[in-house]
Every structure is written in C-alpha cells, then in structure tokens.
C-alpha cells in the first residue's frame, strides 16, 4: 500500500502543478482566445482531480494538503524544462506559446503515466474505488495531452517559419 500512497502523492502534486500552469498560460496568452478559454477549462479539470485525489488519499492515511516528497522517492512530480532563450532577450510571443504548450504537454504526459500506474495497481489489488477514480480522471488527462499536441501541430509551422 505504500506504493499506492506514493503514486497518489505524485499525482496530487502533478495535477496541482498542471492546474497552476494551465491557469498561468491562460493569463499569459489572453490574446489567443482558444488558448485562454481551453486552458482555463482544462485547469478546472486538474483542480477537480486534485480534490478527488485528496478525498481518496484518506483511505491510505495520507494528508495531501501539502506537496508530497515523492520526488525524493524516485518519482518526479513535474517535468523541469529550461528555456532555450538567452536570459538577456525576451522570447518572441509565438515561441513563448510553443514553449508553454510543450511544458503543458510534458506535465500532462507525466500525469497520464501516473494515472496508468495507479489504475494498474488498483486493478491488481482489487481496489474498485481507486480504479474508478483513475478510470474517470485519466481520460481527461489524455484529452489535455491531445489538445496541447494539436495546438503544437497547428501553431508550429506558422510560428517557426515566420522567424
């Protein structure tokens, strides 16, 4: 059960991180109406996941009100990407948007893997409640990934060939 608790903590941290990043991207790119509106909606999904994970954690004597120390246990809760821009120059708005979408995609991909791990462990342990949680939340995470991937495919040609 310690492994399940570990994944719950990592997922909680990852979903909280993704919700915050989606909200920040929506604010940062408010001129891009699709980005602003969809990112805001997707952030609400991650916030719902955080709440549901918090409730599920009680069965494992976990308090997920604070970030977990799961990253020190071998799992990284969030990807850590560095900007390719030199520090003395502000990035082009289009490049900033592509970077933001890439980081959102990587964060959602990490969460997706953790949802899959949780679902597999729940299935192996016969935990229907956790399996139900993963089965209802994971598809939303996959949709977050599909949206970021679609936006990157759509915007990359325009932005990168205009430089």
N, C-alpha and C. Protein backbone atom coordinates (compact mmCIF):
# COMPACT_ATOMS: atom_id res chain seq x y z
N UNK A 1 0.80 -1.20 0.00
CA UNK A 1 0.00 0.00 0.00
C UNK A 1 0.85 1.27 0.00
N UNK A 2 2.11 1.16 0.40
CA UNK A 2 2.97 2.33 0.41
C UNK A 2 3.21 2.85 -1.01
N UNK A 3 3.29 1.92 -1.97
CA UNK A 3 3.47 2.31 -3.36
C UNK A 3 2.28 3.08 -3.89
N UNK A 4 1.08 2.65 -3.54
CA UNK A 4 -0.12 3.36 -3.98
C UNK A 4 -0.15 4.75 -3.36
N UNK A 5 0.21 4.85 -2.10
CA UNK A 5 0.26 6.15 -1.45
C UNK A 5 1.27 7.07 -2.15
N UNK A 6 2.39 6.51 -2.57
CA UNK A 6 3.40 7.28 -3.28
C UNK A 6 2.84 7.84 -4.59
N UNK A 7 2.17 6.99 -5.35
CA UNK A 7 1.61 7.43 -6.63
C UNK A 7 0.49 8.45 -6.41
N UNK A 8 -0.32 8.24 -5.40
CA UNK A 8 -1.36 9.23 -5.09
C UNK A 8 -0.74 10.60 -4.81
N UNK A 9 0.35 10.62 -4.04
CA UNK A 9 1.02 11.88 -3.73
C UNK A 9 1.62 12.54 -4.95
N UNK A 10 2.25 11.74 -5.80
CA UNK A 10 2.86 12.29 -7.02
C UNK A 10 1.77 12.83 -7.95
N UNK A 11 0.69 12.08 -8.08
CA UNK A 11 -0.41 12.52 -8.94
C UNK A 11 -1.03 13.81 -8.41
N UNK A 12 -1.23 13.87 -7.12
CA UNK A 12 -1.80 15.07 -6.49
C UNK A 12 -0.91 16.28 -6.79
N UNK A 13 0.38 16.13 -6.59
CA UNK A 13 1.33 17.22 -6.88
C UNK A 13 1.32 17.56 -8.37
N UNK A 14 1.32 16.53 -9.21
CA UNK A 14 1.35 16.75 -10.66
C UNK A 14 0.10 17.44 -11.17
N UNK A 15 -1.05 17.04 -10.67
CA UNK A 15 -2.30 17.67 -11.10
C UNK A 15 -2.38 19.11 -10.58
N UNK A 16 -1.91 19.34 -9.37
CA UNK A 16 -1.89 20.70 -8.84
C UNK A 16 -0.95 21.58 -9.68
N UNK A 17 0.20 21.03 -10.01
CA UNK A 17 1.15 21.76 -10.85
C UNK A 17 0.53 22.07 -12.22
N UNK A 18 -0.09 21.07 -12.84
CA UNK A 18 -0.68 21.27 -14.16
C UNK A 18 -1.80 22.29 -14.11
N UNK A 19 -2.63 22.25 -13.09
CA UNK A 19 -3.71 23.24 -12.95
C UNK A 19 -3.14 24.65 -12.88
N UNK A 20 -2.09 24.82 -12.09
CA UNK A 20 -1.47 26.13 -11.98
C UNK A 20 -0.83 26.60 -13.27
N UNK A 21 -0.18 25.68 -13.97
CA UNK A 21 0.46 26.04 -15.23
C UNK A 21 -0.56 26.36 -16.31
N UNK A 22 -1.64 25.58 -16.37
CA UNK A 22 -2.70 25.88 -17.34
C UNK A 22 -3.30 27.25 -17.08
N UNK A 23 -3.56 27.58 -15.82
CA UNK A 23 -4.09 28.89 -15.49
C UNK A 23 -3.11 30.00 -15.85
N UNK A 24 -1.83 29.78 -15.61
CA UNK A 24 -0.81 30.78 -15.94
C UNK A 24 -0.71 30.98 -17.44
N UNK A 25 -0.79 29.90 -18.20
CA UNK A 25 -0.73 30.00 -19.67
C UNK A 25 -1.96 30.75 -20.18
N UNK A 26 -3.11 30.48 -19.59
CA UNK A 26 -4.33 31.20 -20.00
C UNK A 26 -4.16 32.71 -19.77
N UNK A 27 -3.57 33.09 -18.65
CA UNK A 27 -3.34 34.52 -18.37
C UNK A 27 -2.27 35.11 -19.29
N UNK A 28 -1.20 34.36 -19.48
CA UNK A 28 -0.07 34.85 -20.26
C UNK A 28 -0.44 35.04 -21.74
N UNK A 29 -1.37 34.23 -22.23
CA UNK A 29 -1.72 34.28 -23.66
C UNK A 29 -3.19 34.65 -23.84
N UNK A 30 -3.63 35.66 -23.08
CA UNK A 30 -5.04 36.02 -23.14
C UNK A 30 -5.46 36.55 -24.50
N UNK A 31 -4.53 36.97 -25.32
CA UNK A 31 -4.84 37.41 -26.68
C UNK A 31 -5.15 36.25 -27.61
N UNK A 32 -4.71 35.07 -27.26
CA UNK A 32 -5.00 33.85 -28.02
C UNK A 32 -6.25 33.25 -27.39
N UNK A 33 -7.40 33.57 -27.94
CA UNK A 33 -8.67 33.23 -27.28
C UNK A 33 -8.87 31.74 -27.08
N UNK A 34 -8.51 30.93 -28.07
CA UNK A 34 -8.67 29.48 -27.89
C UNK A 34 -7.79 28.98 -26.76
N UNK A 35 -6.56 29.44 -26.74
CA UNK A 35 -5.64 29.03 -25.68
C UNK A 35 -6.18 29.46 -24.32
N UNK A 36 -6.62 30.69 -24.23
CA UNK A 36 -7.11 31.20 -22.95
C UNK A 36 -8.31 30.39 -22.46
N UNK A 37 -9.28 30.18 -23.31
CA UNK A 37 -10.51 29.51 -22.88
C UNK A 37 -10.31 28.03 -22.63
N UNK A 38 -9.62 27.36 -23.53
CA UNK A 38 -9.43 25.92 -23.34
C UNK A 38 -8.52 25.65 -22.15
N UNK A 39 -7.44 26.40 -22.02
CA UNK A 39 -6.54 26.20 -20.88
C UNK A 39 -7.26 26.43 -19.56
N UNK A 40 -8.15 27.41 -19.52
CA UNK A 40 -8.93 27.65 -18.30
C UNK A 40 -9.83 26.46 -17.98
N UNK A 41 -10.49 25.92 -18.99
CA UNK A 41 -11.34 24.74 -18.79
C UNK A 41 -10.52 23.53 -18.34
N UNK A 42 -9.37 23.33 -18.97
CA UNK A 42 -8.53 22.17 -18.62
C UNK A 42 -7.95 22.32 -17.21
N UNK A 43 -7.67 23.54 -16.80
CA UNK A 43 -7.19 23.76 -15.43
C UNK A 43 -8.25 23.34 -14.43
N UNK A 44 -9.51 23.61 -14.75
CA UNK A 44 -10.60 23.21 -13.85
C UNK A 44 -10.64 21.68 -13.71
N UNK A 45 -10.38 20.98 -14.79
CA UNK A 45 -10.32 19.50 -14.70
C UNK A 45 -9.24 19.06 -13.73
N UNK A 46 -8.06 19.65 -13.86
CA UNK A 46 -6.96 19.25 -12.97
C UNK A 46 -7.28 19.61 -11.52
N UNK A 47 -7.92 20.75 -11.29
CA UNK A 47 -8.32 21.09 -9.92
C UNK A 47 -9.32 20.07 -9.37
N UNK A 48 -10.23 19.60 -10.20
CA UNK A 48 -11.16 18.55 -9.78
C UNK A 48 -10.40 17.26 -9.45
N UNK A 49 -9.39 16.94 -10.26
CA UNK A 49 -8.58 15.75 -9.99
C UNK A 49 -7.88 15.88 -8.64
N UNK A 50 -7.37 17.07 -8.35
CA UNK A 50 -6.70 17.31 -7.07
C UNK A 50 -7.66 17.05 -5.91
N UNK A 51 -8.88 17.56 -6.04
CA UNK A 51 -9.87 17.36 -4.97
C UNK A 51 -10.21 15.88 -4.81
N UNK A 52 -10.41 15.19 -5.90
CA UNK A 52 -10.77 13.78 -5.83
C UNK A 52 -9.62 12.94 -5.28
N UNK A 53 -8.39 13.27 -5.66
CA UNK A 53 -7.24 12.56 -5.11
C UNK A 53 -7.12 12.81 -3.61
N UNK A 54 -7.38 14.02 -3.19
CA UNK A 54 -7.34 14.34 -1.76
C UNK A 54 -8.33 13.52 -0.96
N UNK A 55 -9.53 13.36 -1.51
CA UNK A 55 -10.54 12.54 -0.83
C UNK A 55 -10.14 11.07 -0.81
N UNK A 56 -9.59 10.57 -1.91
CA UNK A 56 -9.19 9.16 -1.99
C UNK A 56 -8.02 8.85 -1.06
N UNK A 57 -7.19 9.84 -0.81
CA UNK A 57 -5.99 9.63 0.00
C UNK A 57 -6.31 9.28 1.44
N UNK A 58 -7.47 9.68 1.92
CA UNK A 58 -7.85 9.39 3.29
C UNK A 58 -7.85 7.90 3.61
N UNK A 59 -8.20 7.08 2.64
CA UNK A 59 -8.21 5.63 2.85
C UNK A 59 -6.80 5.08 3.04
N UNK A 60 -5.80 5.87 2.69
CA UNK A 60 -4.40 5.44 2.83
C UNK A 60 -3.67 6.26 3.89
N UNK A 61 -4.45 6.89 4.76
CA UNK A 61 -3.90 7.72 5.84
C UNK A 61 -2.93 8.78 5.32
N UNK A 62 -3.28 9.37 4.19
CA UNK A 62 -2.47 10.41 3.58
C UNK A 62 -3.16 11.75 3.75
N UNK A 63 -2.38 12.77 4.04
CA UNK A 63 -2.87 14.14 4.03
C UNK A 63 -2.19 14.82 2.85
N UNK A 64 -2.96 15.08 1.81
CA UNK A 64 -2.38 15.66 0.60
C UNK A 64 -2.59 17.16 0.51
N UNK A 65 -2.74 17.81 1.65
CA UNK A 65 -2.92 19.26 1.62
C UNK A 65 -1.61 19.99 1.32
N UNK A 66 -0.50 19.34 1.53
CA UNK A 66 0.82 19.90 1.23
C UNK A 66 1.47 19.09 0.12
N UNK A 67 2.36 19.70 -0.66
CA UNK A 67 3.08 18.92 -1.67
C UNK A 67 3.82 17.75 -1.02
N UNK A 68 3.81 16.63 -1.72
CA UNK A 68 4.46 15.44 -1.17
C UNK A 68 5.96 15.48 -1.40
N UNK A 69 6.66 14.58 -0.77
CA UNK A 69 8.10 14.46 -1.00
C UNK A 69 8.37 13.30 -1.94
N UNK A 70 7.42 13.02 -2.83
CA UNK A 70 7.53 11.88 -3.73
C UNK A 70 8.71 12.01 -4.67
N UNK A 71 9.09 13.22 -5.03
CA UNK A 71 10.21 13.37 -5.96
C UNK A 71 11.50 12.86 -5.33
N UNK A 72 11.60 12.91 -4.02
CA UNK A 72 12.80 12.38 -3.37
C UNK A 72 12.75 10.87 -3.27
N UNK A 73 11.60 10.28 -3.59
CA UNK A 73 11.45 8.83 -3.53
C UNK A 73 11.62 8.16 -4.88
N UNK A 74 12.05 8.91 -5.88
CA UNK A 74 12.29 8.32 -7.18
C UNK A 74 11.30 8.72 -8.25
N UNK A 75 10.23 9.41 -7.91
CA UNK A 75 9.27 9.89 -8.88
C UNK A 75 9.40 11.39 -8.97
N UNK A 76 9.42 11.92 -10.15
CA UNK A 76 9.40 13.37 -10.33
C UNK A 76 7.96 13.79 -10.56
N UNK A 77 7.49 14.73 -9.78
CA UNK A 77 6.10 15.17 -9.88
C UNK A 77 5.86 16.04 -11.09
N UNK A 78 6.88 16.71 -11.57
CA UNK A 78 6.68 17.59 -12.71
C UNK A 78 7.95 17.63 -13.54
N UNK A 79 7.80 17.81 -14.85
CA UNK A 79 8.98 17.93 -15.68
C UNK A 79 9.68 19.25 -15.41
N UNK A 80 10.97 19.26 -15.58
CA UNK A 80 11.68 20.51 -15.38
C UNK A 80 12.38 20.86 -16.69
N UNK A 81 11.80 21.78 -17.41
CA UNK A 81 12.36 22.21 -18.68
C UNK A 81 13.00 23.57 -18.53
N UNK A 82 14.03 23.81 -19.29
CA UNK A 82 14.68 25.11 -19.25
C UNK A 82 14.40 25.83 -20.55
N UNK A 83 14.28 27.11 -20.46
CA UNK A 83 14.04 27.91 -21.64
C UNK A 83 15.26 27.88 -22.54
N UNK A 84 15.01 27.84 -23.83
CA UNK A 84 16.11 27.86 -24.79
C UNK A 84 16.53 29.28 -25.11
N UNK A 85 15.82 30.26 -24.56
CA UNK A 85 16.12 31.66 -24.83
C UNK A 85 17.27 32.15 -23.96
N UNK A 86 18.14 32.97 -24.53
CA UNK A 86 19.17 33.60 -23.69
C UNK A 86 18.51 34.49 -22.66
N UNK A 87 19.10 34.59 -21.45
CA UNK A 87 18.46 35.36 -20.39
C UNK A 87 18.36 36.85 -20.67
N UNK A 88 19.16 37.40 -21.59
CA UNK A 88 19.14 38.84 -21.84
C UNK A 88 18.14 39.25 -22.92
N UNK A 89 17.37 38.31 -23.42
CA UNK A 89 16.44 38.62 -24.50
C UNK A 89 15.09 37.97 -24.22
N UNK A 90 14.03 38.74 -24.31
CA UNK A 90 12.69 38.20 -24.11
C UNK A 90 12.33 37.34 -25.32
N UNK A 91 11.69 36.20 -25.08
CA UNK A 91 11.33 35.34 -26.21
C UNK A 91 10.22 35.96 -27.04
N UNK A 92 10.19 35.61 -28.31
CA UNK A 92 9.09 36.01 -29.18
C UNK A 92 7.81 35.44 -28.60
N UNK A 93 6.69 36.16 -28.70
CA UNK A 93 5.44 35.65 -28.14
C UNK A 93 5.06 34.26 -28.68
N UNK A 94 5.27 34.04 -29.96
CA UNK A 94 4.95 32.74 -30.54
C UNK A 94 5.82 31.63 -29.96
N UNK A 95 7.10 31.91 -29.79
CA UNK A 95 8.00 30.91 -29.20
C UNK A 95 7.64 30.64 -27.75
N UNK A 96 7.25 31.69 -27.05
CA UNK A 96 6.82 31.52 -25.66
C UNK A 96 5.58 30.61 -25.61
N UNK A 97 4.64 30.83 -26.52
CA UNK A 97 3.45 29.99 -26.57
C UNK A 97 3.82 28.54 -26.86
N UNK A 98 4.70 28.31 -27.82
CA UNK A 98 5.11 26.93 -28.11
C UNK A 98 5.81 26.30 -26.91
N UNK A 99 6.66 27.06 -26.25
CA UNK A 99 7.34 26.54 -25.06
C UNK A 99 6.32 26.19 -23.98
N UNK A 100 5.36 27.08 -23.77
CA UNK A 100 4.33 26.82 -22.76
C UNK A 100 3.52 25.58 -23.10
N UNK A 101 3.14 25.43 -24.36
CA UNK A 101 2.38 24.25 -24.78
C UNK A 101 3.20 22.97 -24.60
N UNK A 102 4.49 23.04 -24.92
CA UNK A 102 5.37 21.89 -24.72
C UNK A 102 5.43 21.49 -23.25
N UNK A 103 5.59 22.48 -22.37
CA UNK A 103 5.67 22.18 -20.95
C UNK A 103 4.36 21.63 -20.41
N UNK A 104 3.23 22.17 -20.90
CA UNK A 104 1.93 21.63 -20.51
C UNK A 104 1.80 20.18 -20.96
N UNK A 105 2.24 19.92 -22.18
CA UNK A 105 2.14 18.55 -22.70
C UNK A 105 2.98 17.58 -21.86
N UNK A 106 4.18 17.99 -21.54
CA UNK A 106 5.05 17.11 -20.74
C UNK A 106 4.47 16.87 -19.34
N UNK A 107 3.89 17.91 -18.74
CA UNK A 107 3.28 17.74 -17.42
C UNK A 107 2.08 16.82 -17.49
N UNK A 108 1.25 16.98 -18.53
CA UNK A 108 0.09 16.10 -18.69
C UNK A 108 0.54 14.67 -18.98
N UNK A 109 1.61 14.50 -19.75
CA UNK A 109 2.12 13.16 -20.05
C UNK A 109 2.60 12.47 -18.77
N UNK A 110 3.28 13.21 -17.91
CA UNK A 110 3.72 12.63 -16.64
C UNK A 110 2.52 12.20 -15.81
N UNK A 111 1.50 13.06 -15.75
CA UNK A 111 0.29 12.70 -15.01
C UNK A 111 -0.38 11.48 -15.62
N UNK A 112 -0.41 11.41 -16.93
CA UNK A 112 -1.03 10.27 -17.60
C UNK A 112 -0.35 8.96 -17.21
N UNK A 113 0.95 8.98 -17.20
CA UNK A 113 1.69 7.77 -16.79
C UNK A 113 1.37 7.38 -15.35
N UNK A 114 1.25 8.37 -14.49
CA UNK A 114 0.93 8.07 -13.09
C UNK A 114 -0.50 7.57 -12.93
N UNK A 115 -1.43 8.12 -13.72
CA UNK A 115 -2.80 7.59 -13.69
C UNK A 115 -2.81 6.13 -14.13
N UNK A 116 -2.02 5.83 -15.14
CA UNK A 116 -1.95 4.44 -15.62
C UNK A 116 -1.36 3.53 -14.55
N UNK A 117 -0.32 3.99 -13.89
CA UNK A 117 0.28 3.20 -12.81
C UNK A 117 -0.72 2.96 -11.69
N UNK A 118 -1.46 4.00 -11.31
CA UNK A 118 -2.46 3.87 -10.26
C UNK A 118 -3.55 2.89 -10.67
N UNK A 119 -4.00 2.99 -11.91
CA UNK A 119 -5.05 2.08 -12.39
C UNK A 119 -4.57 0.63 -12.37
N UNK A 120 -3.35 0.40 -12.78
CA UNK A 120 -2.82 -0.97 -12.80
C UNK A 120 -2.69 -1.52 -11.39
N UNK A 121 -2.20 -0.69 -10.47
CA UNK A 121 -2.06 -1.14 -9.08
C UNK A 121 -3.44 -1.39 -8.46
N UNK A 122 -4.39 -0.51 -8.75
CA UNK A 122 -5.75 -0.68 -8.22
C UNK A 122 -6.38 -1.95 -8.76
N UNK A 123 -6.17 -2.21 -10.03
CA UNK A 123 -6.72 -3.43 -10.63
C UNK A 123 -6.08 -4.67 -10.01
N UNK A 124 -4.79 -4.64 -9.85
CA UNK A 124 -4.08 -5.79 -9.26
C UNK A 124 -4.52 -6.02 -7.82
N UNK A 125 -4.79 -4.95 -7.10
CA UNK A 125 -5.19 -5.07 -5.70
C UNK A 125 -6.69 -5.18 -5.49
N UNK A 126 -7.45 -5.15 -6.56
CA UNK A 126 -8.90 -5.25 -6.44
C UNK A 126 -9.53 -4.04 -5.79
N UNK A 127 -8.92 -2.88 -5.90
CA UNK A 127 -9.45 -1.65 -5.29
C UNK A 127 -10.34 -0.95 -6.31
N UNK A 128 -11.62 -1.24 -6.28
CA UNK A 128 -12.57 -0.71 -7.25
C UNK A 128 -12.70 0.81 -7.16
N UNK A 129 -12.59 1.35 -5.95
CA UNK A 129 -12.72 2.79 -5.78
C UNK A 129 -11.57 3.54 -6.47
N UNK A 130 -10.35 3.07 -6.26
CA UNK A 130 -9.22 3.71 -6.93
C UNK A 130 -9.26 3.48 -8.44
N UNK A 131 -9.67 2.31 -8.84
CA UNK A 131 -9.77 2.02 -10.26
C UNK A 131 -10.81 2.94 -10.90
N UNK A 132 -11.92 3.16 -10.22
CA UNK A 132 -12.93 4.08 -10.72
C UNK A 132 -12.41 5.51 -10.82
N UNK A 133 -11.63 5.92 -9.83
CA UNK A 133 -11.03 7.25 -9.85
C UNK A 133 -10.12 7.40 -11.07
N UNK A 134 -9.23 6.45 -11.25
CA UNK A 134 -8.29 6.51 -12.37
C UNK A 134 -9.04 6.43 -13.70
N UNK A 135 -10.05 5.58 -13.75
CA UNK A 135 -10.81 5.41 -14.99
C UNK A 135 -11.59 6.66 -15.38
N UNK A 136 -11.99 7.45 -14.42
CA UNK A 136 -12.73 8.67 -14.75
C UNK A 136 -11.81 9.87 -14.97
N UNK A 137 -10.66 9.92 -14.32
CA UNK A 137 -9.77 11.08 -14.45
C UNK A 137 -8.77 10.94 -15.59
N UNK A 138 -8.27 9.74 -15.81
CA UNK A 138 -7.23 9.55 -16.82
C UNK A 138 -7.68 10.00 -18.22
N UNK A 139 -8.91 9.71 -18.66
CA UNK A 139 -9.31 10.18 -20.00
C UNK A 139 -9.25 11.70 -20.15
N UNK A 140 -9.52 12.43 -19.09
CA UNK A 140 -9.40 13.88 -19.15
C UNK A 140 -7.94 14.30 -19.33
N UNK A 141 -7.06 13.61 -18.66
CA UNK A 141 -5.63 13.91 -18.81
C UNK A 141 -5.18 13.62 -20.24
N UNK A 142 -5.68 12.54 -20.80
CA UNK A 142 -5.36 12.23 -22.20
C UNK A 142 -5.89 13.32 -23.13
N UNK A 143 -7.06 13.88 -22.81
CA UNK A 143 -7.59 14.99 -23.62
C UNK A 143 -6.71 16.23 -23.48
N UNK A 144 -6.18 16.47 -22.29
CA UNK A 144 -5.26 17.60 -22.11
C UNK A 144 -4.05 17.42 -23.03
N UNK A 145 -3.53 16.20 -23.08
CA UNK A 145 -2.38 15.93 -23.94
C UNK A 145 -2.74 16.10 -25.41
N UNK A 146 -3.90 15.60 -25.81
CA UNK A 146 -4.30 15.73 -27.22
C UNK A 146 -4.45 17.20 -27.61
N UNK A 147 -5.00 18.02 -26.71
CA UNK A 147 -5.16 19.43 -27.02
C UNK A 147 -3.80 20.11 -27.21
N UNK A 148 -2.88 19.87 -26.27
CA UNK A 148 -1.57 20.51 -26.41
C UNK A 148 -0.87 20.03 -27.67
N UNK A 149 -0.96 18.75 -27.96
CA UNK A 149 -0.33 18.20 -29.16
C UNK A 149 -0.94 18.83 -30.42
N UNK A 150 -2.25 18.94 -30.47
CA UNK A 150 -2.91 19.55 -31.62
C UNK A 150 -2.51 21.01 -31.78
N UNK A 151 -2.45 21.73 -30.67
CA UNK A 151 -2.06 23.14 -30.75
C UNK A 151 -0.61 23.27 -31.24
N UNK A 152 0.26 22.41 -30.77
CA UNK A 152 1.66 22.45 -31.22
C UNK A 152 1.74 22.15 -32.72
N UNK A 153 1.00 21.15 -33.17
CA UNK A 153 1.00 20.81 -34.60
C UNK A 153 0.45 21.96 -35.45
N UNK A 154 -0.57 22.62 -34.94
CA UNK A 154 -1.20 23.70 -35.68
C UNK A 154 -0.34 24.96 -35.71
N UNK A 155 0.24 25.31 -34.57
CA UNK A 155 0.95 26.57 -34.46
C UNK A 155 2.42 26.52 -34.89
N UNK A 156 3.05 25.38 -34.77
CA UNK A 156 4.49 25.28 -35.08
C UNK A 156 4.84 25.76 -36.48
N UNK A 157 4.14 25.32 -37.51
CA UNK A 157 4.51 25.78 -38.85
C UNK A 157 4.44 27.30 -38.99
N UNK A 158 3.37 27.89 -38.48
CA UNK A 158 3.20 29.35 -38.60
C UNK A 158 4.29 30.09 -37.83
N UNK A 159 4.50 29.68 -36.61
CA UNK A 159 5.43 30.42 -35.74
C UNK A 159 6.88 30.20 -36.17
N UNK A 160 7.24 28.96 -36.43
CA UNK A 160 8.64 28.67 -36.70
C UNK A 160 9.09 29.12 -38.08
N UNK A 161 8.21 29.16 -39.06
CA UNK A 161 8.63 29.61 -40.39
C UNK A 161 8.58 31.13 -40.50
N UNK A 162 7.93 31.80 -39.55
CA UNK A 162 7.86 33.26 -39.58
C UNK A 162 9.08 33.93 -38.94
N UNK A 163 9.93 33.15 -38.31
CA UNK A 163 11.10 33.73 -37.63
C UNK A 163 12.20 34.09 -38.60
